[in-house]
């Protein structure tokens, strides 16, 4: 029923003068409640600032991760486009070479057929 005016450091609880007089906390270290309230408030404030700093660091880290992910996606698309262009160029080169070789083979065959026909007719 009494008002709390002191803080028992050992028990970590607020206590009234009656509890101090009855001896429950007689051998414990006690401090004024207001001073302990300020101390705990400062500790909580410091802890909150630490948490806030960690949250800020985490947010910055997430932004960095998103930027890295975006860069990976862009690099992947660039690589894919480069690969497609190189493969297309290779296919075009092979197609042109195939056409040249087929033309050469056809001309050679026709030439040999003409020579063979000429030899047979003479």
N, C-alpha and C. Protein backbone atom coordinates (compact mmCIF):
# COMPACT_ATOMS: atom_id res chain seq x y z
N UNK A 1 0.81 -1.20 0.00
CA UNK A 1 0.00 0.00 0.00
C UNK A 1 0.85 1.25 0.00
N UNK A 2 2.13 1.13 0.36
CA UNK A 2 3.03 2.28 0.40
C UNK A 2 3.48 2.65 -1.02
N UNK A 3 3.91 3.88 -1.18
CA UNK A 3 4.47 4.31 -2.46
C UNK A 3 5.91 3.82 -2.57
N UNK A 4 6.27 3.39 -3.74
CA UNK A 4 7.64 2.97 -3.98
C UNK A 4 8.51 4.22 -4.10
N UNK A 5 9.58 4.24 -3.34
CA UNK A 5 10.48 5.38 -3.41
C UNK A 5 11.93 4.96 -3.57
N UNK A 6 12.20 3.68 -3.41
CA UNK A 6 13.55 3.16 -3.50
C UNK A 6 13.58 1.98 -4.47
N UNK A 7 14.77 1.59 -4.83
CA UNK A 7 14.96 0.47 -5.75
C UNK A 7 16.01 -0.46 -5.16
N UNK A 8 15.64 -1.71 -5.03
CA UNK A 8 16.57 -2.72 -4.51
C UNK A 8 17.38 -3.24 -5.70
N UNK A 9 18.66 -2.93 -5.71
CA UNK A 9 19.53 -3.33 -6.82
C UNK A 9 19.69 -4.85 -6.83
N UNK A 10 19.79 -5.46 -5.65
CA UNK A 10 19.98 -6.90 -5.57
C UNK A 10 18.79 -7.67 -6.15
N UNK A 11 17.59 -7.24 -5.80
CA UNK A 11 16.37 -7.93 -6.26
C UNK A 11 15.84 -7.37 -7.58
N UNK A 12 16.39 -6.22 -7.95
CA UNK A 12 15.98 -5.55 -9.19
C UNK A 12 14.48 -5.26 -9.18
N UNK A 13 14.04 -4.64 -8.08
CA UNK A 13 12.62 -4.33 -7.93
C UNK A 13 12.45 -3.04 -7.12
N UNK A 14 11.39 -2.29 -7.39
CA UNK A 14 11.11 -1.12 -6.56
C UNK A 14 10.64 -1.56 -5.18
N UNK A 15 11.00 -0.78 -4.16
CA UNK A 15 10.59 -1.12 -2.80
C UNK A 15 10.13 0.17 -2.08
N UNK A 16 9.35 -0.01 -1.06
CA UNK A 16 8.88 1.12 -0.25
C UNK A 16 9.70 1.19 1.05
N UNK A 17 9.53 2.27 1.80
CA UNK A 17 10.26 2.42 3.07
C UNK A 17 9.87 1.34 4.08
N UNK A 18 8.62 0.91 4.03
CA UNK A 18 8.16 -0.11 4.96
C UNK A 18 8.94 -1.41 4.76
N UNK A 19 9.17 -1.79 3.50
CA UNK A 19 9.92 -3.01 3.21
C UNK A 19 11.37 -2.87 3.66
N UNK A 20 11.90 -1.66 3.58
CA UNK A 20 13.28 -1.44 4.06
C UNK A 20 13.35 -1.52 5.58
N UNK A 21 12.33 -0.98 6.24
CA UNK A 21 12.30 -0.98 7.70
C UNK A 21 12.06 -2.38 8.26
N UNK A 22 11.24 -3.19 7.56
CA UNK A 22 10.94 -4.54 8.06
C UNK A 22 12.09 -5.50 7.83
N UNK A 23 13.06 -5.10 7.06
CA UNK A 23 14.25 -5.92 6.90
C UNK A 23 14.27 -6.84 5.70
N UNK A 24 13.25 -6.85 4.90
CA UNK A 24 13.28 -7.74 3.73
C UNK A 24 14.43 -7.39 2.80
N UNK A 25 14.76 -6.12 2.70
CA UNK A 25 15.84 -5.68 1.81
C UNK A 25 16.91 -4.94 2.61
N UNK A 26 16.96 -5.20 3.92
CA UNK A 26 17.86 -4.49 4.83
C UNK A 26 19.32 -4.60 4.46
N UNK A 27 19.77 -5.76 4.03
CA UNK A 27 21.18 -5.97 3.71
C UNK A 27 21.46 -5.79 2.22
N UNK A 28 20.44 -5.45 1.45
CA UNK A 28 20.60 -5.27 0.01
C UNK A 28 21.02 -3.84 -0.30
N UNK A 29 21.63 -3.70 -1.46
CA UNK A 29 21.97 -2.36 -1.92
C UNK A 29 20.71 -1.71 -2.47
N UNK A 30 20.39 -0.52 -1.99
CA UNK A 30 19.21 0.20 -2.48
C UNK A 30 19.63 1.58 -2.96
N UNK A 31 18.89 2.06 -3.94
CA UNK A 31 19.15 3.38 -4.49
C UNK A 31 17.81 4.09 -4.67
N UNK A 32 17.85 5.42 -4.79
CA UNK A 32 16.59 6.15 -5.02
C UNK A 32 15.95 5.70 -6.32
N UNK A 33 14.65 5.55 -6.30
CA UNK A 33 13.92 5.05 -7.45
C UNK A 33 14.07 5.98 -8.65
N UNK A 34 14.02 7.29 -8.41
CA UNK A 34 14.15 8.25 -9.51
C UNK A 34 15.48 8.12 -10.23
N UNK A 35 16.55 7.95 -9.47
CA UNK A 35 17.89 7.80 -10.07
C UNK A 35 17.96 6.52 -10.89
N UNK A 36 17.40 5.45 -10.37
CA UNK A 36 17.42 4.17 -11.10
C UNK A 36 16.55 4.24 -12.35
N UNK A 37 15.43 4.99 -12.22
CA UNK A 37 14.55 5.16 -13.38
C UNK A 37 15.32 5.88 -14.49
N UNK A 38 16.07 6.93 -14.14
CA UNK A 38 16.86 7.66 -15.13
C UNK A 38 17.95 6.78 -15.72
N UNK A 39 18.58 5.98 -14.88
CA UNK A 39 19.64 5.09 -15.35
C UNK A 39 19.07 4.05 -16.32
N UNK A 40 17.96 3.44 -15.95
CA UNK A 40 17.35 2.44 -16.83
C UNK A 40 16.85 3.08 -18.11
N UNK A 41 16.32 4.29 -18.00
CA UNK A 41 15.86 5.00 -19.20
C UNK A 41 17.04 5.26 -20.13
N UNK A 42 18.16 5.68 -19.59
CA UNK A 42 19.35 5.92 -20.40
C UNK A 42 19.84 4.64 -21.06
N UNK A 43 19.82 3.53 -20.29
CA UNK A 43 20.24 2.25 -20.85
C UNK A 43 19.31 1.81 -21.98
N UNK A 44 18.02 1.98 -21.76
CA UNK A 44 17.05 1.61 -22.80
C UNK A 44 17.21 2.48 -24.03
N UNK A 45 17.44 3.76 -23.80
CA UNK A 45 17.63 4.69 -24.91
C UNK A 45 18.87 4.30 -25.71
N UNK A 46 19.94 3.96 -25.00
CA UNK A 46 21.16 3.54 -25.67
C UNK A 46 20.94 2.24 -26.45
N UNK A 47 20.23 1.31 -25.85
CA UNK A 47 19.93 0.04 -26.53
C UNK A 47 19.06 0.29 -27.76
N UNK A 48 18.10 1.19 -27.62
CA UNK A 48 17.22 1.52 -28.75
C UNK A 48 18.01 2.16 -29.88
N UNK A 49 18.95 3.03 -29.53
CA UNK A 49 19.80 3.63 -30.56
C UNK A 49 20.63 2.57 -31.26
N UNK A 50 21.13 1.60 -30.48
CA UNK A 50 21.89 0.50 -31.07
C UNK A 50 21.05 -0.31 -32.03
N UNK A 51 19.82 -0.60 -31.63
CA UNK A 51 18.91 -1.35 -32.50
C UNK A 51 18.59 -0.54 -33.75
N UNK A 52 18.38 0.75 -33.56
CA UNK A 52 18.10 1.63 -34.69
C UNK A 52 19.27 1.65 -35.67
N UNK A 53 20.47 1.72 -35.14
CA UNK A 53 21.66 1.70 -36.00
C UNK A 53 21.76 0.38 -36.76
N UNK A 54 21.49 -0.72 -36.07
CA UNK A 54 21.53 -2.04 -36.72
C UNK A 54 20.45 -2.14 -37.81
N UNK A 55 19.28 -1.58 -37.53
CA UNK A 55 18.21 -1.60 -38.53
C UNK A 55 18.62 -0.79 -39.76
N UNK A 56 19.26 0.34 -39.53
CA UNK A 56 19.72 1.18 -40.64
C UNK A 56 20.77 0.43 -41.46
N UNK A 57 21.71 -0.23 -40.77
CA UNK A 57 22.74 -1.02 -41.46
C UNK A 57 22.10 -2.14 -42.27
N UNK A 58 21.10 -2.80 -41.68
CA UNK A 58 20.42 -3.90 -42.38
C UNK A 58 19.70 -3.38 -43.61
N UNK A 59 19.07 -2.22 -43.49
CA UNK A 59 18.37 -1.63 -44.64
C UNK A 59 19.35 -1.29 -45.75
N UNK A 60 20.49 -0.71 -45.39
CA UNK A 60 21.52 -0.39 -46.38
C UNK A 60 22.05 -1.66 -47.03
N UNK A 61 22.22 -2.71 -46.24
CA UNK A 61 22.69 -3.99 -46.77
C UNK A 61 21.69 -4.57 -47.76
N UNK A 62 20.40 -4.47 -47.43
CA UNK A 62 19.36 -4.95 -48.35
C UNK A 62 19.37 -4.17 -49.66
N UNK A 63 19.59 -2.87 -49.57
CA UNK A 63 19.67 -2.05 -50.79
C UNK A 63 20.86 -2.52 -51.63
N UNK A 64 21.99 -2.78 -50.98
CA UNK A 64 23.16 -3.28 -51.70
C UNK A 64 22.87 -4.63 -52.36
N UNK A 65 22.19 -5.51 -51.63
CA UNK A 65 21.85 -6.82 -52.20
C UNK A 65 20.93 -6.68 -53.40
N UNK A 66 19.95 -5.76 -53.31
CA UNK A 66 19.05 -5.54 -54.44
C UNK A 66 19.81 -5.00 -55.63
N UNK A 67 20.77 -4.10 -55.39
CA UNK A 67 21.57 -3.56 -56.48
C UNK A 67 22.43 -4.65 -57.12
N UNK A 68 22.99 -5.52 -56.29
CA UNK A 68 23.79 -6.63 -56.81
C UNK A 68 22.92 -7.57 -57.64
N UNK A 69 21.73 -7.86 -57.14
CA UNK A 69 20.81 -8.74 -57.88
C UNK A 69 20.45 -8.13 -59.22
N UNK A 70 20.16 -6.84 -59.23
CA UNK A 70 19.83 -6.16 -60.48
C UNK A 70 21.01 -6.20 -61.45
N UNK A 71 22.22 -5.99 -60.93
CA UNK A 71 23.42 -6.03 -61.76
C UNK A 71 23.63 -7.43 -62.34
N UNK A 72 23.38 -8.45 -61.52
CA UNK A 72 23.50 -9.83 -62.01
C UNK A 72 22.51 -10.09 -63.12
N UNK A 73 21.27 -9.62 -62.94
CA UNK A 73 20.25 -9.82 -63.97
C UNK A 73 20.64 -9.10 -65.27
N UNK A 74 21.12 -7.86 -65.13
CA UNK A 74 21.52 -7.11 -66.32
C UNK A 74 22.71 -7.76 -67.01
N UNK A 75 23.71 -8.18 -66.22
CA UNK A 75 24.88 -8.85 -66.80
C UNK A 75 24.48 -10.14 -67.49
N UNK A 76 23.55 -10.88 -66.88
CA UNK A 76 23.08 -12.12 -67.49
C UNK A 76 22.40 -11.87 -68.83
N UNK A 77 21.57 -10.83 -68.89
CA UNK A 77 20.91 -10.50 -70.16
C UNK A 77 21.92 -10.05 -71.21
N UNK A 78 22.91 -9.25 -70.79
CA UNK A 78 23.95 -8.81 -71.73
C UNK A 78 24.74 -9.99 -72.26
N UNK A 79 25.09 -10.91 -71.36
CA UNK A 79 25.84 -12.09 -71.76
C UNK A 79 25.02 -12.94 -72.73
N UNK A 80 23.74 -13.10 -72.41
CA UNK A 80 22.85 -13.88 -73.27
C UNK A 80 22.76 -13.27 -74.65
N UNK A 81 22.59 -11.94 -74.73
CA UNK A 81 22.50 -11.25 -76.02
C UNK A 81 23.80 -11.41 -76.81
N UNK A 82 24.93 -11.31 -76.12
CA UNK A 82 26.23 -11.47 -76.78
C UNK A 82 26.39 -12.90 -77.31
N UNK A 83 25.99 -13.87 -76.50
CA UNK A 83 26.08 -15.27 -76.91
C UNK A 83 25.21 -15.54 -78.14
N UNK A 84 23.99 -15.04 -78.12
CA UNK A 84 23.08 -15.22 -79.26
C UNK A 84 23.68 -14.59 -80.52
N UNK A 85 24.22 -13.37 -80.38
CA UNK A 85 24.80 -12.67 -81.54
C UNK A 85 26.00 -13.45 -82.09
N UNK A 86 26.85 -13.97 -81.22
CA UNK A 86 28.02 -14.72 -81.68
C UNK A 86 27.61 -16.04 -82.34
N UNK A 87 26.62 -16.71 -81.75
CA UNK A 87 26.14 -17.97 -82.36
C UNK A 87 25.48 -17.71 -83.71
N UNK A 88 24.70 -16.63 -83.78
CA UNK A 88 24.06 -16.28 -85.06
C UNK A 88 25.12 -15.97 -86.12
N UNK A 89 26.18 -15.25 -85.74
CA UNK A 89 27.26 -14.93 -86.68
C UNK A 89 27.96 -16.22 -87.12
N UNK A 90 28.16 -17.14 -86.20
CA UNK A 90 28.80 -18.42 -86.53
C UNK A 90 27.92 -19.23 -87.48
N UNK A 91 26.63 -19.27 -87.21
CA UNK A 91 25.70 -19.99 -88.09
C UNK A 91 25.70 -19.36 -89.49
N UNK A 92 25.70 -18.02 -89.55
CA UNK A 92 25.75 -17.34 -90.85
C UNK A 92 27.03 -17.68 -91.60
N UNK A 93 28.15 -17.67 -90.90
CA UNK A 93 29.44 -18.00 -91.53
C UNK A 93 29.43 -19.43 -92.04
N UNK A 94 28.89 -20.35 -91.25
CA UNK A 94 28.82 -21.76 -91.68
C UNK A 94 27.87 -21.92 -92.87
N UNK A 95 26.77 -21.18 -92.85
CA UNK A 95 25.83 -21.26 -93.97
C UNK A 95 26.48 -20.75 -95.25
N UNK A 96 27.22 -19.65 -95.17
CA UNK A 96 27.91 -19.12 -96.36
C UNK A 96 28.98 -20.10 -96.84
N UNK A 97 29.73 -20.67 -95.91
CA UNK A 97 30.76 -21.64 -96.28
C UNK A 97 30.14 -22.87 -96.91
N UNK A 98 29.01 -23.31 -96.36
CA UNK A 98 28.29 -24.47 -96.91
C UNK A 98 27.86 -24.19 -98.34
N UNK A 99 27.31 -23.00 -98.56
CA UNK A 99 26.86 -22.63 -99.91
C UNK A 99 28.04 -22.60 -100.88
N UNK A 100 29.18 -22.05 -100.44
CA UNK A 100 30.37 -22.00 -101.30
C UNK A 100 30.84 -23.41 -101.65
N UNK A 101 30.89 -24.27 -100.63
CA UNK A 101 31.36 -25.63 -100.86
C UNK A 101 30.40 -26.42 -101.75
N UNK A 102 29.09 -26.23 -101.54
CA UNK A 102 28.11 -26.92 -102.39
C UNK A 102 28.23 -26.44 -103.84
N UNK A 103 28.44 -25.15 -104.02
CA UNK A 103 28.62 -24.61 -105.37
C UNK A 103 29.86 -25.20 -106.01
N UNK A 104 30.94 -25.28 -105.26
CA UNK A 104 32.20 -25.84 -105.75
C UNK A 104 32.03 -27.30 -106.13
N UNK A 105 31.37 -28.06 -105.24
CA UNK A 105 31.16 -29.49 -105.50
C UNK A 105 30.27 -29.66 -106.74
N UNK A 106 29.24 -28.85 -106.86
CA UNK A 106 28.33 -28.96 -108.02
C UNK A 106 29.09 -28.65 -109.31
N UNK A 107 29.88 -27.58 -109.30
CA UNK A 107 30.66 -27.22 -110.49
C UNK A 107 31.67 -28.30 -110.84
N UNK A 108 32.31 -28.85 -109.82
CA UNK A 108 33.30 -29.91 -110.05
C UNK A 108 32.62 -31.15 -110.63
N UNK A 109 31.46 -31.50 -110.09
CA UNK A 109 30.72 -32.66 -110.59
C UNK A 109 30.30 -32.43 -112.05
N UNK A 110 29.77 -31.24 -112.31
CA UNK A 110 29.34 -30.93 -113.68
C UNK A 110 30.52 -30.94 -114.63
N UNK A 111 31.66 -30.43 -114.18
CA UNK A 111 32.85 -30.43 -115.01
C UNK A 111 33.30 -31.86 -115.31
N UNK A 112 33.30 -32.71 -114.29
CA UNK A 112 33.74 -34.09 -114.48
C UNK A 112 32.76 -34.85 -115.36
N UNK A 113 31.45 -34.52 -115.22
CA UNK A 113 30.46 -35.17 -116.08
C UNK A 113 30.67 -34.75 -117.53
N UNK A 114 30.99 -33.49 -117.75
CA UNK A 114 31.24 -33.02 -119.12
C UNK A 114 32.48 -33.68 -119.69
N UNK A 115 33.54 -33.76 -118.86
CA UNK A 115 34.78 -34.39 -119.31
C UNK A 115 34.53 -35.87 -119.58
N UNK A 116 33.78 -36.49 -118.69
CA UNK A 116 33.50 -37.93 -118.86
C UNK A 116 32.65 -38.17 -120.10
N UNK A 117 31.70 -37.29 -120.33
CA UNK A 117 30.85 -37.43 -121.51
C UNK A 117 31.66 -37.15 -122.76
N UNK A 118 32.54 -36.21 -122.72
CA UNK A 118 33.38 -35.87 -123.87
C UNK A 118 34.32 -37.01 -124.20
N UNK A 119 34.88 -37.65 -123.15
CA UNK A 119 35.80 -38.78 -123.37
C UNK A 119 35.02 -39.95 -123.94
N UNK A 120 33.82 -40.14 -123.54
CA UNK A 120 33.02 -41.28 -124.01
C UNK A 120 32.55 -41.07 -125.44
N UNK A 121 32.40 -39.83 -125.82
CA UNK A 121 31.91 -39.60 -127.17
C UNK A 121 33.05 -39.56 -128.17
N UNK A 122 34.22 -39.47 -127.74
CA UNK A 122 35.33 -39.44 -128.69
C UNK A 122 35.97 -40.77 -128.92
